[in-house]
């Protein structure tokens, strides 16, 4: 579902009601929890104790692709990323996405995470600093962005 837009309509409302929960309350809580992710695809897990009717809502963060498209103000990936670009990101946009997805990227360093995000951007038709992904990856390897990465290194180590 898109963040901030759960409704009582199927599939959410009936599923929640079927579990014996107050659907309006749950939908309201879900929308409150996902408002900051408006218009991004998120996955929801609603853990329900059917005996006590206690529940816990878990929101999975948006995909790297969704975050990159949002940062570039693009509506969808390019069908032909080698020839058709749909947007541009700054290297700082890339770093911020890497930080947001830190726990899911399975990278040991911020630099490795940034390289992963640059590769994803390239495959969906986004340039970085108006350059092709390969060129930016080479610059990362050569240390061009080391001082900027250092600025975010502590945040990376702390866990975002």
Protein backbone atom coordinates (compact mmCIF):
# COMPACT_ATOMS: atom_id res chain seq x y z
CA UNK A 1 0.00 0.00 0.00
CA UNK A 2 1.03 3.62 -0.35
CA UNK A 3 2.07 5.30 2.88
CA UNK A 4 -0.61 7.39 4.60
CA UNK A 5 -3.41 6.04 2.43
CA UNK A 6 -4.89 2.96 4.11
CA UNK A 7 -8.68 2.80 3.89
CA UNK A 8 -11.47 0.61 5.14
CA UNK A 9 -11.85 -0.67 1.59
CA UNK A 10 -10.56 -4.13 0.63
CA UNK A 11 -8.13 -5.62 1.27
CA UNK A 12 -7.22 -3.79 4.51
CA UNK A 13 -10.58 -3.03 6.14
CA UNK A 14 -12.28 -6.43 5.76
CA UNK A 15 -9.12 -8.30 6.73
CA UNK A 16 -8.78 -6.30 9.95
CA UNK A 17 -12.50 -6.63 10.77
CA UNK A 18 -12.33 -10.39 10.16
CA UNK A 19 -9.74 -10.61 12.93
CA UNK A 20 -12.18 -8.96 15.33
CA UNK A 21 -10.30 -5.65 15.53
CA UNK A 22 -11.71 -2.14 15.30
CA UNK A 23 -10.89 -1.50 11.64
CA UNK A 24 -11.25 2.30 11.87
CA UNK A 25 -8.80 2.41 14.78
CA UNK A 26 -6.25 0.22 13.02
CA UNK A 27 -6.51 2.11 9.71
CA UNK A 28 -6.09 5.41 11.57
CA UNK A 29 -3.00 4.09 13.37
CA UNK A 30 -1.52 2.75 10.11
CA UNK A 31 -2.03 6.10 8.37
CA UNK A 32 -0.48 7.96 11.28
CA UNK A 33 2.55 5.64 11.26
CA UNK A 34 3.05 5.90 7.50
CA UNK A 35 2.18 9.57 6.86
CA UNK A 36 5.89 10.46 6.49
CA UNK A 37 6.10 7.82 3.74
CA UNK A 38 3.18 9.28 1.76
CA UNK A 39 3.08 8.08 -1.84
CA UNK A 40 5.79 5.48 -1.26
CA UNK A 41 5.03 1.78 -1.41
CA UNK A 42 5.34 0.24 2.04
CA UNK A 43 4.68 -3.23 3.37
CA UNK A 44 2.64 -3.60 6.52
CA UNK A 45 2.68 -6.46 8.94
CA UNK A 46 -0.07 -6.48 11.52
CA UNK A 47 0.65 -8.91 14.33
CA UNK A 48 -2.56 -9.91 16.10
CA UNK A 49 -3.13 -11.92 19.25
CA UNK A 50 -6.52 -13.37 18.38
CA UNK A 51 -7.26 -14.22 22.02
CA UNK A 52 -6.65 -10.76 23.51
CA UNK A 53 -7.25 -8.72 20.31
CA UNK A 54 -4.02 -6.87 21.01
CA UNK A 55 -2.15 -5.95 17.85
CA UNK A 56 1.09 -4.42 16.74
CA UNK A 57 1.66 -2.71 13.41
CA UNK A 58 5.06 -3.11 11.76
CA UNK A 59 5.94 -0.92 8.80
CA UNK A 60 8.63 -2.11 6.44
CA UNK A 61 10.58 0.71 4.85
CA UNK A 62 10.13 1.54 1.16
CA UNK A 63 12.40 -0.06 -1.41
CA UNK A 64 15.64 1.57 -2.51
CA UNK A 65 14.01 2.09 -5.92
CA UNK A 66 11.03 3.95 -4.38
CA UNK A 67 13.31 6.16 -2.30
CA UNK A 68 15.54 6.98 -5.28
CA UNK A 69 12.60 7.81 -7.54
CA UNK A 70 11.15 10.08 -4.86
CA UNK A 71 14.51 11.83 -4.34
CA UNK A 72 14.81 12.40 -8.10
CA UNK A 73 11.18 13.51 -8.40
CA UNK A 74 10.59 10.77 -10.97
CA UNK A 75 7.34 8.85 -11.24
CA UNK A 76 8.66 5.52 -12.50
CA UNK A 77 11.84 3.72 -13.58
CA UNK A 78 13.08 4.02 -17.14
CA UNK A 79 12.22 1.18 -19.46
CA UNK A 80 15.55 1.83 -21.19
CA UNK A 81 18.01 3.11 -18.55
CA UNK A 82 21.00 3.04 -20.92
CA UNK A 83 19.36 5.52 -23.29
CA UNK A 84 16.56 7.23 -21.37
CA UNK A 85 17.18 8.94 -18.05
CA UNK A 86 14.18 9.73 -15.85
CA UNK A 87 15.98 11.94 -13.35
CA UNK A 88 19.12 12.98 -11.55
CA UNK A 89 20.30 12.61 -7.96
CA UNK A 90 23.04 14.29 -6.01
CA UNK A 91 25.62 12.11 -4.32
CA UNK A 92 24.15 13.36 -1.04
CA UNK A 93 20.73 11.98 -2.06
CA UNK A 94 22.42 8.62 -2.63
CA UNK A 95 24.13 8.74 0.77
CA UNK A 96 20.84 9.53 2.51
CA UNK A 97 19.11 6.57 0.85
CA UNK A 98 22.04 4.33 1.83
CA UNK A 99 21.66 5.48 5.43
CA UNK A 100 17.91 4.86 5.41
CA UNK A 101 18.38 1.33 4.07
CA UNK A 102 21.48 0.55 6.15
CA UNK A 103 20.10 -2.53 7.89
CA UNK A 104 18.74 -4.06 4.70
CA UNK A 105 21.71 -3.45 2.40
CA UNK A 106 23.99 -5.86 4.22
CA UNK A 107 27.07 -3.72 3.56
CA UNK A 108 29.97 -3.38 5.98
CA UNK A 109 30.80 0.21 5.07
CA UNK A 110 28.99 3.36 4.02
CA UNK A 111 31.10 3.46 0.87
CA UNK A 112 29.94 -0.05 -0.11
CA UNK A 113 26.31 0.90 0.59
CA UNK A 114 26.63 4.04 -1.52
CA UNK A 115 28.05 1.99 -4.39
CA UNK A 116 25.09 -0.41 -4.13
CA UNK A 117 22.61 2.48 -4.23
CA UNK A 118 24.41 4.09 -7.20
CA UNK A 119 24.16 0.79 -9.07
CA UNK A 120 20.42 0.61 -8.37
CA UNK A 121 19.97 4.22 -9.50
CA UNK A 122 21.76 3.41 -12.74
CA UNK A 123 19.52 0.40 -13.47
CA UNK A 124 16.34 2.48 -13.12
CA UNK A 125 17.51 5.35 -15.31
CA UNK A 126 18.79 7.86 -12.77
CA UNK A 127 22.07 9.70 -13.12
CA UNK A 128 24.11 10.91 -10.15
CA UNK A 129 25.54 14.42 -10.29
CA UNK A 130 24.58 14.38 -13.99
CA UNK A 131 26.94 11.45 -14.64
CA UNK A 132 26.48 7.81 -15.59
CA UNK A 133 26.58 5.28 -12.76
CA UNK A 134 29.86 3.70 -13.90
CA UNK A 135 31.61 7.05 -13.85
CA UNK A 136 30.33 7.85 -10.35
CA UNK A 137 31.33 4.38 -9.10
CA UNK A 138 34.85 5.00 -10.42
CA UNK A 139 34.93 8.33 -8.61
CA UNK A 140 33.81 6.68 -5.37
CA UNK A 141 36.59 4.09 -5.76
CA UNK A 142 39.16 6.83 -6.41
CA UNK A 143 38.14 8.67 -3.24
CA UNK A 144 36.49 11.69 -4.87
CA UNK A 145 33.66 11.62 -2.33
CA UNK A 146 35.65 10.48 0.72
CA UNK A 147 35.34 13.81 2.56
CA UNK A 148 31.57 13.83 2.07
CA UNK A 149 31.28 10.19 3.13
CA UNK A 150 33.30 10.98 6.24
CA UNK A 151 30.67 13.56 7.19
CA UNK A 152 28.08 10.73 7.39
CA UNK A 153 30.33 7.98 8.74
CA UNK A 154 29.30 8.42 12.38
CA UNK A 155 25.61 8.24 11.46
CA UNK A 156 26.37 5.02 9.53
CA UNK A 157 28.16 3.47 12.51
CA UNK A 158 25.35 4.43 14.91
CA UNK A 159 22.85 2.64 12.75
CA UNK A 160 21.19 5.43 10.80
